[in-house]
Amino acid sequence: MASRTIRAVAAATIAVVVALTLTVVPAQAVPPNIPSYSTALSRLNSLTVAAESNQSSYNRSLFPHWITVTGSCNTREQVLKRDGTNVVVDSSCAATSGSWYSPFDGATWTLASDVDIDHMVPLAEAWRSGAHAWTTARRQTYANDLGGPELWAVTDNVNQAKGDKDPANWQPPLASFRCTYARAWIQVKWYYSLTVDSAEKSALSGMLATC
């Protein structure tokens, strides 16, 4: 009787282990160096408030991307690998399978083609906020920055809806993410010494109030 009980317990334990192994957890990776609420608030208040300018001279090609990061992998492919779950790539580093959780809207995707890599502070917004005065090399660094919260894997049509809008004109549809979104936005603006306009600052303050 004792041996049958032991075997039953062992079988049940194995079943639990197998079930846990087969459970697919949605990818929820986020970029690094998102500041805390208090740090983000302090950095927001330190930003220079100024009207945007130089929109007419903006061109996306002034921010070279995606560049090769390592081996045959470019920046987009690196973000897909960094922020996905069980990502498999082919010999050219293109993702052939995996799972990607889009924090902007809470959706999970299994096709890389459904995922865009969003610049938290859009390139055109950066241009209008001071990047027009940068060198091309600095704009390339900005557009391919893997060291901070600038690049996000998100649902493609959500990224397209955002376009080059700042938080005064667009915020993530998933309201519970807006605190994180504001903290990441502020970090990028602060790190690159970009300005904010008054409506943008007000919107960011409101988003931080949800933290």
N, C-alpha and C. Protein backbone atom coordinates (compact mmCIF):
# COMPACT_ATOMS: atom_id res chain seq x y z
N MET A 1 0.84 -1.21 0.00
CA MET A 1 0.00 0.00 0.00
C MET A 1 0.88 1.27 0.00
N ALA A 2 1.93 1.22 0.85
CA ALA A 2 2.81 2.38 0.94
C ALA A 2 3.48 2.67 -0.39
N SER A 3 3.92 1.60 -1.10
CA SER A 3 4.60 1.80 -2.38
C SER A 3 3.66 2.38 -3.41
N ARG A 4 2.37 1.94 -3.37
CA ARG A 4 1.39 2.49 -4.33
C ARG A 4 1.16 3.97 -4.05
N THR A 5 1.12 4.33 -2.76
CA THR A 5 0.92 5.74 -2.37
C THR A 5 2.09 6.60 -2.85
N ILE A 6 3.31 6.06 -2.67
CA ILE A 6 4.51 6.80 -3.11
C ILE A 6 4.49 7.01 -4.61
N ARG A 7 4.11 5.92 -5.34
CA ARG A 7 4.06 6.04 -6.80
C ARG A 7 3.01 7.05 -7.24
N ALA A 8 1.88 7.09 -6.53
CA ALA A 8 0.81 8.03 -6.87
C ALA A 8 1.25 9.47 -6.65
N VAL A 9 1.95 9.68 -5.51
CA VAL A 9 2.44 11.03 -5.22
C VAL A 9 3.47 11.45 -6.26
N ALA A 10 4.37 10.52 -6.63
CA ALA A 10 5.38 10.82 -7.64
C ALA A 10 4.76 11.15 -8.97
N ALA A 11 3.73 10.40 -9.36
CA ALA A 11 3.04 10.66 -10.63
C ALA A 11 2.38 12.02 -10.62
N ALA A 12 1.76 12.35 -9.48
CA ALA A 12 1.10 13.66 -9.38
C ALA A 12 2.11 14.78 -9.47
N THR A 13 3.27 14.59 -8.82
CA THR A 13 4.32 15.61 -8.86
C THR A 13 4.82 15.82 -10.28
N ILE A 14 5.04 14.71 -11.00
CA ILE A 14 5.49 14.80 -12.40
C ILE A 14 4.46 15.53 -13.25
N ALA A 15 3.18 15.25 -13.02
CA ALA A 15 2.12 15.90 -13.79
C ALA A 15 2.13 17.40 -13.58
N VAL A 16 2.36 17.81 -12.31
CA VAL A 16 2.41 19.25 -12.01
C VAL A 16 3.59 19.89 -12.71
N VAL A 17 4.76 19.21 -12.66
CA VAL A 17 5.96 19.75 -13.30
C VAL A 17 5.75 19.89 -14.80
N VAL A 18 5.15 18.87 -15.42
CA VAL A 18 4.88 18.92 -16.85
C VAL A 18 3.93 20.06 -17.18
N ALA A 19 2.89 20.20 -16.37
CA ALA A 19 1.91 21.26 -16.62
C ALA A 19 2.56 22.63 -16.54
N LEU A 20 3.44 22.81 -15.53
CA LEU A 20 4.13 24.10 -15.40
C LEU A 20 5.07 24.34 -16.56
N THR A 21 5.71 23.28 -17.03
CA THR A 21 6.65 23.40 -18.15
C THR A 21 5.93 23.81 -19.42
N LEU A 22 4.71 23.32 -19.60
CA LEU A 22 3.97 23.59 -20.82
C LEU A 22 3.22 24.91 -20.78
N THR A 23 3.14 25.52 -19.58
CA THR A 23 2.42 26.79 -19.47
C THR A 23 3.16 27.88 -20.24
N VAL A 24 2.47 28.56 -21.11
CA VAL A 24 3.09 29.64 -21.88
C VAL A 24 2.79 30.97 -21.19
N VAL A 25 3.82 31.63 -20.72
CA VAL A 25 3.66 32.91 -20.07
C VAL A 25 3.90 34.01 -21.09
N PRO A 26 2.95 34.94 -21.27
CA PRO A 26 3.14 36.01 -22.25
C PRO A 26 4.39 36.82 -21.94
N ALA A 27 5.08 37.23 -22.99
CA ALA A 27 6.25 38.07 -22.81
C ALA A 27 5.83 39.40 -22.20
N GLN A 28 6.55 39.86 -21.20
CA GLN A 28 6.25 41.15 -20.60
C GLN A 28 7.53 41.92 -20.32
N ALA A 29 8.54 41.67 -21.12
CA ALA A 29 9.80 42.37 -20.93
C ALA A 29 9.62 43.85 -21.25
N VAL A 30 10.33 44.67 -20.53
CA VAL A 30 10.31 46.11 -20.80
C VAL A 30 11.75 46.58 -20.93
N PRO A 31 11.97 47.67 -21.63
CA PRO A 31 13.33 48.21 -21.77
C PRO A 31 13.93 48.60 -20.42
N PRO A 32 15.24 48.76 -20.37
CA PRO A 32 15.90 49.06 -19.09
C PRO A 32 15.83 50.53 -18.71
N ASN A 33 16.16 50.79 -17.45
CA ASN A 33 16.39 52.15 -16.93
C ASN A 33 15.16 53.04 -16.94
N ILE A 34 14.01 52.48 -16.58
CA ILE A 34 12.81 53.30 -16.37
C ILE A 34 12.86 53.81 -14.95
N PRO A 35 12.84 55.12 -14.74
CA PRO A 35 13.00 55.65 -13.38
C PRO A 35 11.77 55.44 -12.52
N SER A 36 11.96 55.57 -11.22
CA SER A 36 10.84 55.52 -10.28
C SER A 36 9.96 56.75 -10.45
N TYR A 37 8.81 56.73 -9.81
CA TYR A 37 7.91 57.88 -9.86
C TYR A 37 8.61 59.14 -9.37
N SER A 38 9.26 59.05 -8.22
CA SER A 38 9.86 60.26 -7.64
C SER A 38 11.00 60.79 -8.51
N THR A 39 11.79 59.89 -9.05
CA THR A 39 12.88 60.33 -9.94
C THR A 39 12.32 60.94 -11.21
N ALA A 40 11.27 60.30 -11.77
CA ALA A 40 10.67 60.83 -12.99
C ALA A 40 10.08 62.22 -12.75
N LEU A 41 9.42 62.41 -11.62
CA LEU A 41 8.83 63.71 -11.30
C LEU A 41 9.93 64.77 -11.18
N SER A 42 11.00 64.43 -10.52
CA SER A 42 12.12 65.38 -10.38
C SER A 42 12.72 65.72 -11.74
N ARG A 43 12.86 64.71 -12.59
CA ARG A 43 13.44 64.95 -13.91
C ARG A 43 12.49 65.74 -14.81
N LEU A 44 11.21 65.49 -14.69
CA LEU A 44 10.24 66.27 -15.46
C LEU A 44 10.36 67.75 -15.09
N ASN A 45 10.45 68.01 -13.81
CA ASN A 45 10.52 69.40 -13.36
C ASN A 45 11.84 70.07 -13.72
N SER A 46 12.86 69.29 -14.08
CA SER A 46 14.14 69.86 -14.46
C SER A 46 14.24 70.14 -15.96
N LEU A 47 13.28 69.63 -16.73
CA LEU A 47 13.33 69.81 -18.19
C LEU A 47 13.02 71.25 -18.57
N THR A 48 13.66 71.71 -19.62
CA THR A 48 13.38 73.04 -20.14
C THR A 48 12.05 73.03 -20.89
N VAL A 49 11.19 73.97 -20.57
CA VAL A 49 9.90 74.10 -21.25
C VAL A 49 10.07 75.10 -22.39
N ALA A 50 9.78 74.65 -23.59
CA ALA A 50 9.94 75.51 -24.77
C ALA A 50 9.01 75.03 -25.87
N ALA A 51 8.62 75.94 -26.72
CA ALA A 51 7.78 75.58 -27.87
C ALA A 51 8.59 74.73 -28.85
N GLU A 52 7.93 73.79 -29.51
CA GLU A 52 8.61 72.98 -30.52
C GLU A 52 8.94 73.83 -31.75
N SER A 53 9.97 73.40 -32.49
CA SER A 53 10.38 74.18 -33.66
C SER A 53 11.03 73.27 -34.69
N ASN A 54 11.28 73.84 -35.87
CA ASN A 54 12.02 73.17 -36.96
C ASN A 54 11.29 71.97 -37.58
N GLN A 55 9.98 71.90 -37.40
CA GLN A 55 9.24 70.77 -37.96
C GLN A 55 9.42 70.67 -39.48
N SER A 56 9.46 71.77 -40.16
CA SER A 56 9.52 71.75 -41.63
C SER A 56 10.80 71.13 -42.17
N SER A 57 11.85 71.09 -41.37
CA SER A 57 13.12 70.54 -41.85
C SER A 57 13.32 69.08 -41.45
N TYR A 58 12.32 68.49 -40.79
CA TYR A 58 12.45 67.10 -40.34
C TYR A 58 12.40 66.13 -41.50
N ASN A 59 13.25 65.11 -41.44
CA ASN A 59 13.22 63.98 -42.37
C ASN A 59 13.68 62.75 -41.59
N ARG A 60 12.91 61.68 -41.71
CA ARG A 60 13.20 60.47 -40.95
C ARG A 60 14.61 59.92 -41.25
N SER A 61 15.09 60.15 -42.47
CA SER A 61 16.41 59.64 -42.85
C SER A 61 17.54 60.31 -42.07
N LEU A 62 17.23 61.41 -41.38
CA LEU A 62 18.23 62.09 -40.57
C LEU A 62 18.56 61.33 -39.28
N PHE A 63 17.78 60.27 -39.01
CA PHE A 63 18.01 59.39 -37.86
C PHE A 63 18.29 57.98 -38.39
N PRO A 64 19.50 57.67 -38.82
CA PRO A 64 19.77 56.38 -39.45
C PRO A 64 19.42 55.19 -38.53
N HIS A 65 18.57 54.31 -39.02
CA HIS A 65 18.17 53.09 -38.30
C HIS A 65 17.51 52.16 -39.33
N TRP A 66 17.39 50.89 -39.16
CA TRP A 66 17.98 50.17 -38.03
C TRP A 66 19.41 49.77 -38.38
N ILE A 67 20.33 49.93 -37.45
CA ILE A 67 21.73 49.61 -37.73
C ILE A 67 22.06 48.21 -37.22
N THR A 68 23.14 47.63 -37.76
CA THR A 68 23.59 46.33 -37.28
C THR A 68 24.14 46.48 -35.87
N VAL A 69 23.66 45.63 -34.98
CA VAL A 69 24.08 45.71 -33.58
C VAL A 69 25.13 44.65 -33.26
N THR A 70 24.85 43.43 -33.65
CA THR A 70 25.79 42.34 -33.42
C THR A 70 25.57 41.24 -34.44
N GLY A 71 26.64 40.72 -35.01
CA GLY A 71 26.50 39.69 -36.04
C GLY A 71 25.67 40.21 -37.19
N SER A 72 24.59 39.48 -37.50
CA SER A 72 23.68 39.91 -38.57
C SER A 72 22.42 40.55 -38.02
N CYS A 73 22.38 40.80 -36.72
CA CYS A 73 21.17 41.32 -36.07
C CYS A 73 21.15 42.85 -36.04
N ASN A 74 20.07 43.43 -36.54
CA ASN A 74 19.94 44.89 -36.45
C ASN A 74 19.14 45.25 -35.19
N THR A 75 18.93 46.54 -35.00
CA THR A 75 18.30 47.01 -33.76
C THR A 75 16.90 46.45 -33.58
N ARG A 76 16.10 46.46 -34.64
CA ARG A 76 14.74 45.91 -34.53
C ARG A 76 14.79 44.46 -34.06
N GLU A 77 15.65 43.69 -34.67
CA GLU A 77 15.73 42.27 -34.33
C GLU A 77 16.22 42.06 -32.90
N GLN A 78 17.10 42.93 -32.45
CA GLN A 78 17.57 42.85 -31.07
C GLN A 78 16.44 43.11 -30.08
N VAL A 79 15.58 44.09 -30.38
CA VAL A 79 14.46 44.38 -29.50
C VAL A 79 13.46 43.23 -29.49
N LEU A 80 13.21 42.64 -30.66
CA LEU A 80 12.30 41.50 -30.71
C LEU A 80 12.82 40.35 -29.87
N LYS A 81 14.13 40.12 -29.90
CA LYS A 81 14.71 39.06 -29.08
C LYS A 81 14.69 39.43 -27.60
N ARG A 82 15.00 40.69 -27.31
CA ARG A 82 15.07 41.15 -25.92
C ARG A 82 13.71 41.08 -25.23
N ASP A 83 12.67 41.50 -25.93
CA ASP A 83 11.37 41.69 -25.29
C ASP A 83 10.37 40.57 -25.59
N GLY A 84 10.80 39.55 -26.33
CA GLY A 84 9.90 38.45 -26.65
C GLY A 84 10.12 37.25 -25.76
N THR A 85 9.23 36.28 -25.87
CA THR A 85 9.34 35.02 -25.16
C THR A 85 9.52 33.90 -26.18
N ASN A 86 10.48 33.02 -25.91
CA ASN A 86 10.74 31.86 -26.78
C ASN A 86 10.95 32.27 -28.24
N VAL A 87 11.72 33.33 -28.44
CA VAL A 87 11.94 33.84 -29.79
C VAL A 87 12.96 32.97 -30.51
N VAL A 88 12.59 32.53 -31.71
CA VAL A 88 13.48 31.76 -32.57
C VAL A 88 13.79 32.61 -33.79
N VAL A 89 15.06 32.67 -34.16
CA VAL A 89 15.46 33.47 -35.32
C VAL A 89 16.14 32.58 -36.35
N ASP A 90 16.12 33.03 -37.61
CA ASP A 90 16.79 32.27 -38.65
C ASP A 90 18.24 32.75 -38.80
N SER A 91 18.92 32.28 -39.83
CA SER A 91 20.33 32.59 -39.99
C SER A 91 20.59 34.07 -40.24
N SER A 92 19.57 34.80 -40.68
CA SER A 92 19.73 36.24 -40.91
C SER A 92 19.24 37.07 -39.72
N CYS A 93 18.88 36.39 -38.62
CA CYS A 93 18.45 37.00 -37.36
C CYS A 93 16.99 37.46 -37.39
N ALA A 94 16.23 37.12 -38.43
CA ALA A 94 14.81 37.46 -38.48
C ALA A 94 14.04 36.49 -37.59
N ALA A 95 13.12 37.02 -36.77
CA ALA A 95 12.33 36.18 -35.87
C ALA A 95 11.34 35.34 -36.66
N THR A 96 11.41 34.02 -36.47
CA THR A 96 10.50 33.11 -37.17
C THR A 96 9.36 32.64 -36.26
N SER A 97 9.55 32.75 -34.96
CA SER A 97 8.48 32.41 -34.02
C SER A 97 8.79 33.05 -32.68
N GLY A 98 7.77 33.11 -31.84
CA GLY A 98 7.92 33.71 -30.52
C GLY A 98 6.61 34.32 -30.08
N SER A 99 6.66 35.02 -28.97
CA SER A 99 5.48 35.69 -28.43
C SER A 99 5.90 37.06 -27.92
N TRP A 100 5.09 38.07 -28.25
CA TRP A 100 5.39 39.45 -27.86
C TRP A 100 4.18 40.09 -27.21
N TYR A 101 4.39 40.59 -26.01
CA TYR A 101 3.34 41.29 -25.28
C TYR A 101 3.50 42.79 -25.52
N SER A 102 2.45 43.44 -25.97
CA SER A 102 2.47 44.87 -26.25
C SER A 102 1.92 45.62 -25.04
N PRO A 103 2.76 46.29 -24.26
CA PRO A 103 2.28 46.95 -23.04
C PRO A 103 1.38 48.15 -23.31
N PHE A 104 1.43 48.69 -24.51
CA PHE A 104 0.59 49.84 -24.83
C PHE A 104 -0.90 49.49 -24.81
N ASP A 105 -1.24 48.25 -25.23
CA ASP A 105 -2.64 47.86 -25.33
C ASP A 105 -2.95 46.51 -24.69
N GLY A 106 -1.94 45.83 -24.16
CA GLY A 106 -2.17 44.56 -23.48
C GLY A 106 -2.35 43.37 -24.40
N ALA A 107 -2.07 43.52 -25.69
CA ALA A 107 -2.23 42.41 -26.64
C ALA A 107 -0.95 41.58 -26.71
N THR A 108 -1.11 40.29 -27.03
CA THR A 108 0.03 39.41 -27.24
C THR A 108 -0.01 38.88 -28.66
N TRP A 109 1.13 38.91 -29.33
CA TRP A 109 1.23 38.52 -30.74
C TRP A 109 2.24 37.39 -30.92
N THR A 110 1.99 36.56 -31.90
CA THR A 110 2.91 35.45 -32.18
C THR A 110 3.55 35.56 -33.56
N LEU A 111 3.27 36.63 -34.27
CA LEU A 111 3.93 36.91 -35.54
C LEU A 111 4.71 38.21 -35.41
N ALA A 112 6.00 38.17 -35.73
CA ALA A 112 6.82 39.37 -35.63
C ALA A 112 6.29 40.48 -36.53
N SER A 113 5.63 40.11 -37.62
CA SER A 113 5.11 41.11 -38.55
C SER A 113 3.97 41.93 -37.93
N ASP A 114 3.40 41.46 -36.83
CA ASP A 114 2.35 42.21 -36.15
C ASP A 114 2.91 43.19 -35.12
N VAL A 115 4.23 43.20 -35.00
CA VAL A 115 4.89 44.00 -33.96
C VAL A 115 5.75 45.08 -34.60
N ASP A 116 5.56 46.32 -34.15
CA ASP A 116 6.42 47.43 -34.54
C ASP A 116 7.38 47.73 -33.39
N ILE A 117 8.51 48.31 -33.71
CA ILE A 117 9.41 48.83 -32.67
C ILE A 117 9.17 50.33 -32.59
N ASP A 118 8.58 50.72 -31.49
CA ASP A 118 8.22 52.12 -31.27
C ASP A 118 9.36 52.89 -30.62
N HIS A 119 9.63 54.09 -31.12
CA HIS A 119 10.49 55.03 -30.41
C HIS A 119 9.61 55.74 -29.38
N MET A 120 9.88 55.52 -28.11
CA MET A 120 9.06 56.11 -27.06
C MET A 120 8.84 57.60 -27.32
N VAL A 121 9.92 58.35 -27.45
CA VAL A 121 9.82 59.72 -27.93
C VAL A 121 10.09 59.67 -29.43
N PRO A 122 9.06 59.87 -30.25
CA PRO A 122 9.21 59.68 -31.69
C PRO A 122 10.33 60.55 -32.28
N LEU A 123 10.86 60.09 -33.39
CA LEU A 123 11.98 60.79 -34.01
C LEU A 123 11.61 62.23 -34.36
N ALA A 124 10.42 62.42 -34.92
CA ALA A 124 10.00 63.78 -35.28
C ALA A 124 9.83 64.65 -34.04
N GLU A 125 9.31 64.06 -32.96
CA GLU A 125 9.17 64.80 -31.70
C GLU A 125 10.54 65.18 -31.14
N ALA A 126 11.48 64.25 -31.23
CA ALA A 126 12.84 64.56 -30.77
C ALA A 126 13.44 65.70 -31.60
N TRP A 127 13.22 65.64 -32.91
CA TRP A 127 13.72 66.69 -33.80
C TRP A 127 13.19 68.06 -33.39
N ARG A 128 11.88 68.12 -33.14
CA ARG A 128 11.24 69.38 -32.77
C ARG A 128 11.66 69.86 -31.38
N SER A 129 12.21 68.94 -30.58
CA SER A 129 12.55 69.25 -29.18
C SER A 129 14.04 69.45 -28.96
N GLY A 130 14.81 69.52 -30.04
CA GLY A 130 16.23 69.80 -29.90
C GLY A 130 17.16 68.96 -30.74
N ALA A 131 16.69 67.80 -31.24
CA ALA A 131 17.58 66.92 -32.01
C ALA A 131 17.96 67.50 -33.36
N HIS A 132 17.26 68.54 -33.81
CA HIS A 132 17.61 69.19 -35.08
C HIS A 132 19.01 69.78 -35.02
N ALA A 133 19.50 70.04 -33.80
CA ALA A 133 20.83 70.64 -33.63
C ALA A 133 21.92 69.60 -33.42
N TRP A 134 21.54 68.31 -33.38
CA TRP A 134 22.53 67.26 -33.15
C TRP A 134 23.29 66.91 -34.42
N THR A 135 24.38 66.18 -34.21
CA THR A 135 25.08 65.57 -35.34
C THR A 135 24.31 64.33 -35.79
N THR A 136 24.56 63.90 -37.02
CA THR A 136 23.92 62.68 -37.50
C THR A 136 24.31 61.48 -36.64
N ALA A 137 25.54 61.45 -36.17
CA ALA A 137 26.00 60.35 -35.32
C ALA A 137 25.19 60.26 -34.03
N ARG A 138 24.89 61.41 -33.43
CA ARG A 138 24.11 61.41 -32.20
C ARG A 138 22.67 61.00 -32.49
N ARG A 139 22.13 61.42 -33.62
CA ARG A 139 20.76 61.01 -33.97
C ARG A 139 20.71 59.50 -34.24
N GLN A 140 21.77 58.95 -34.81
CA GLN A 140 21.82 57.50 -35.02
C GLN A 140 21.84 56.77 -33.68
N THR A 141 22.63 57.27 -32.75
CA THR A 141 22.68 56.67 -31.41
C THR A 141 21.30 56.69 -30.78
N TYR A 142 20.62 57.82 -30.89
CA TYR A 142 19.28 57.98 -30.31
C TYR A 142 18.29 56.99 -30.93
N ALA A 143 18.31 56.87 -32.23
CA ALA A 143 17.33 56.05 -32.94
C ALA A 143 17.52 54.56 -32.72
N ASN A 144 18.69 54.18 -32.20
CA ASN A 144 19.01 52.76 -32.00
C ASN A 144 19.38 52.45 -30.56
N ASP A 145 18.90 53.26 -29.63
CA ASP A 145 19.31 53.18 -28.24
C ASP A 145 18.68 51.99 -27.52
N LEU A 146 19.51 51.00 -27.19
CA LEU A 146 19.05 49.82 -26.46
C LEU A 146 19.33 49.93 -24.97
N GLY A 147 19.99 50.99 -24.55
CA GLY A 147 20.39 51.12 -23.16
C GLY A 147 19.38 51.79 -22.26
N GLY A 148 18.35 52.40 -22.84
CA GLY A 148 17.33 53.08 -22.05
C GLY A 148 15.95 52.70 -22.55
N PRO A 149 14.91 53.36 -22.03
CA PRO A 149 13.53 53.00 -22.39
C PRO A 149 13.04 53.70 -23.65
N GLU A 150 13.84 53.68 -24.70
CA GLU A 150 13.46 54.36 -25.94
C GLU A 150 12.77 53.45 -26.93
N LEU A 151 13.12 52.16 -26.95
CA LEU A 151 12.60 51.25 -27.97
C LEU A 151 11.68 50.20 -27.35
N TRP A 152 10.46 50.09 -27.90
CA TRP A 152 9.44 49.20 -27.36
C TRP A 152 8.82 48.35 -28.46
N ALA A 153 8.63 47.07 -28.18
CA ALA A 153 7.93 46.17 -29.11
C ALA A 153 6.43 46.27 -28.81
N VAL A 154 5.67 46.80 -29.78
CA VAL A 154 4.24 47.05 -29.54
C VAL A 154 3.41 46.68 -30.77
N THR A 155 2.11 46.59 -30.57
CA THR A 155 1.19 46.30 -31.67
C THR A 155 1.36 47.32 -32.79
N ASP A 156 1.46 46.83 -34.02
CA ASP A 156 1.79 47.73 -35.13
C ASP A 156 0.78 48.85 -35.32
N ASN A 157 -0.53 48.54 -35.29
CA ASN A 157 -1.49 49.62 -35.57
C ASN A 157 -1.61 50.60 -34.40
N VAL A 158 -1.25 50.17 -33.20
CA VAL A 158 -1.22 51.10 -32.06
C VAL A 158 -0.06 52.07 -32.24
N ASN A 159 1.07 51.56 -32.67
CA ASN A 159 2.22 52.41 -32.94
C ASN A 159 1.90 53.41 -34.05
N GLN A 160 1.19 52.95 -35.07
CA GLN A 160 0.82 53.84 -36.17
C GLN A 160 -0.17 54.91 -35.72
N ALA A 161 -1.06 54.56 -34.79
CA ALA A 161 -2.00 55.55 -34.26
C ALA A 161 -1.26 56.61 -33.44
N LYS A 162 -0.20 56.20 -32.75
CA LYS A 162 0.60 57.15 -31.99
C LYS A 162 1.32 58.11 -32.91
N GLY A 163 1.91 57.58 -33.99
CA GLY A 163 2.64 58.44 -34.92
C GLY A 163 3.73 59.22 -34.22
N ASP A 164 3.76 60.53 -34.44
CA ASP A 164 4.78 61.37 -33.80
C ASP A 164 4.18 62.24 -32.70
N LYS A 165 3.05 61.81 -32.14
CA LYS A 165 2.33 62.61 -31.14
C LYS A 165 2.99 62.51 -29.77
N ASP A 166 2.95 63.61 -29.03
CA ASP A 166 3.42 63.58 -27.65
C ASP A 166 2.24 63.28 -26.73
N PRO A 167 2.46 63.11 -25.43
CA PRO A 167 1.37 62.70 -24.53
C PRO A 167 0.21 63.68 -24.42
N ALA A 168 0.36 64.90 -24.86
CA ALA A 168 -0.77 65.82 -24.87
C ALA A 168 -1.79 65.43 -25.93
N ASN A 169 -1.34 64.66 -26.93
CA ASN A 169 -2.21 64.30 -28.05
C ASN A 169 -2.43 62.80 -28.20
N TRP A 170 -1.65 61.99 -27.49
CA TRP A 170 -1.84 60.53 -27.56
C TRP A 170 -1.27 59.89 -26.30
N GLN A 171 -2.05 58.96 -25.75
CA GLN A 171 -1.60 58.15 -24.61
C GLN A 171 -1.99 56.71 -24.86
N PRO A 172 -1.28 55.76 -24.27
CA PRO A 172 -1.58 54.34 -24.52
C PRO A 172 -3.02 54.00 -24.18
N PRO A 173 -3.67 53.18 -25.01
CA PRO A 173 -5.05 52.80 -24.72
C PRO A 173 -5.20 52.02 -23.42
N LEU A 174 -4.15 51.33 -22.99
CA LEU A 174 -4.20 50.61 -21.72
C LEU A 174 -3.86 51.59 -20.60
N ALA A 175 -4.91 52.08 -19.92
CA ALA A 175 -4.73 53.15 -18.94
C ALA A 175 -3.76 52.78 -17.83
N SER A 176 -3.72 51.51 -17.44
CA SER A 176 -2.84 51.09 -16.34
C SER A 176 -1.37 51.20 -16.69
N PHE A 177 -1.07 51.38 -17.97
CA PHE A 177 0.33 51.50 -18.40
C PHE A 177 0.79 52.95 -18.47
N ARG A 178 -0.10 53.89 -18.31
CA ARG A 178 0.26 55.29 -18.54
C ARG A 178 1.28 55.82 -17.55
N CYS A 179 1.29 55.31 -16.34
CA CYS A 179 2.32 55.71 -15.37
C CYS A 179 3.70 55.32 -15.90
N THR A 180 3.85 54.07 -16.34
CA THR A 180 5.13 53.60 -16.87
C THR A 180 5.51 54.36 -18.13
N TYR A 181 4.51 54.60 -18.99
CA TYR A 181 4.75 55.33 -20.23
C TYR A 181 5.32 56.72 -19.94
N ALA A 182 4.71 57.41 -18.99
CA ALA A 182 5.18 58.76 -18.65
C ALA A 182 6.60 58.72 -18.09
N ARG A 183 6.88 57.75 -17.22
CA ARG A 183 8.21 57.66 -16.64
C ARG A 183 9.27 57.38 -17.71
N ALA A 184 8.92 56.52 -18.67
CA ALA A 184 9.86 56.21 -19.75
C ALA A 184 10.06 57.43 -20.65
N TRP A 185 8.97 58.11 -21.00
CA TRP A 185 9.05 59.31 -21.86
C TRP A 185 9.94 60.36 -21.23
N ILE A 186 9.70 60.61 -19.94
CA ILE A 186 10.48 61.62 -19.22
C ILE A 186 11.96 61.24 -19.19
N GLN A 187 12.24 59.97 -18.98
CA GLN A 187 13.63 59.53 -18.94
C GLN A 187 14.35 59.81 -20.25
N VAL A 188 13.69 59.52 -21.37
CA VAL A 188 14.32 59.75 -22.68
C VAL A 188 14.56 61.25 -22.88
N LYS A 189 13.55 62.06 -22.57
CA LYS A 189 13.71 63.51 -22.74
C LYS A 189 14.84 64.05 -21.85
N TRP A 190 14.89 63.56 -20.62
CA TRP A 190 15.91 64.03 -19.68
C TRP A 190 17.31 63.57 -20.10
N TYR A 191 17.43 62.30 -20.47
CA TYR A 191 18.74 61.74 -20.80
C TYR A 191 19.35 62.45 -22.01
N TYR A 192 18.50 62.80 -22.97
CA TYR A 192 19.00 63.44 -24.19
C TYR A 192 18.86 64.96 -24.17
N SER A 193 18.53 65.51 -23.02
CA SER A 193 18.43 66.98 -22.85
C SER A 193 17.49 67.61 -23.87
N LEU A 194 16.36 66.95 -24.10
CA LEU A 194 15.34 67.48 -25.00
C LEU A 194 14.35 68.33 -24.21
N THR A 195 13.71 69.24 -24.89
CA THR A 195 12.75 70.12 -24.23
C THR A 195 11.36 69.50 -24.22
N VAL A 196 10.48 70.08 -23.41
CA VAL A 196 9.05 69.73 -23.43
C VAL A 196 8.26 71.01 -23.64
N ASP A 197 7.12 70.90 -24.31
CA ASP A 197 6.27 72.08 -24.39
C ASP A 197 5.29 72.06 -23.21
N SER A 198 4.58 73.13 -23.00
CA SER A 198 3.76 73.25 -21.79
C SER A 198 2.62 72.23 -21.75
N ALA A 199 1.98 71.99 -22.89
CA ALA A 199 0.88 71.01 -22.91
C ALA A 199 1.41 69.60 -22.64
N GLU A 200 2.56 69.29 -23.20
CA GLU A 200 3.20 67.99 -22.99
C GLU A 200 3.54 67.79 -21.51
N LYS A 201 4.12 68.82 -20.88
CA LYS A 201 4.47 68.71 -19.46
C LYS A 201 3.23 68.50 -18.61
N SER A 202 2.17 69.22 -18.92
CA SER A 202 0.92 69.07 -18.17
C SER A 202 0.36 67.66 -18.29
N ALA A 203 0.40 67.12 -19.51
CA ALA A 203 -0.09 65.77 -19.75
C ALA A 203 0.74 64.75 -18.98
N LEU A 204 2.06 64.92 -18.99
CA LEU A 204 2.95 64.00 -18.28
C LEU A 204 2.70 64.07 -16.77
N SER A 205 2.45 65.25 -16.25
CA SER A 205 2.15 65.39 -14.82
C SER A 205 0.88 64.63 -14.47
N GLY A 206 -0.11 64.72 -15.35
CA GLY A 206 -1.36 63.99 -15.12
C GLY A 206 -1.16 62.49 -15.18
N MET A 207 -0.31 62.03 -16.07
CA MET A 207 -0.03 60.60 -16.17
C MET A 207 0.72 60.11 -14.95
N LEU A 208 1.66 60.90 -14.45
CA LEU A 208 2.39 60.52 -13.24
C LEU A 208 1.46 60.44 -12.04
N ALA A 209 0.40 61.22 -12.06
CA ALA A 209 -0.55 61.20 -10.94
C ALA A 209 -1.29 59.87 -10.84
N THR A 210 -1.21 59.05 -11.89
CA THR A 210 -1.86 57.73 -11.86
C THR A 210 -0.95 56.67 -11.25
N CYS A 211 0.30 57.03 -10.96
CA CYS A 211 1.26 56.04 -10.44
C CYS A 211 0.91 55.58 -9.02
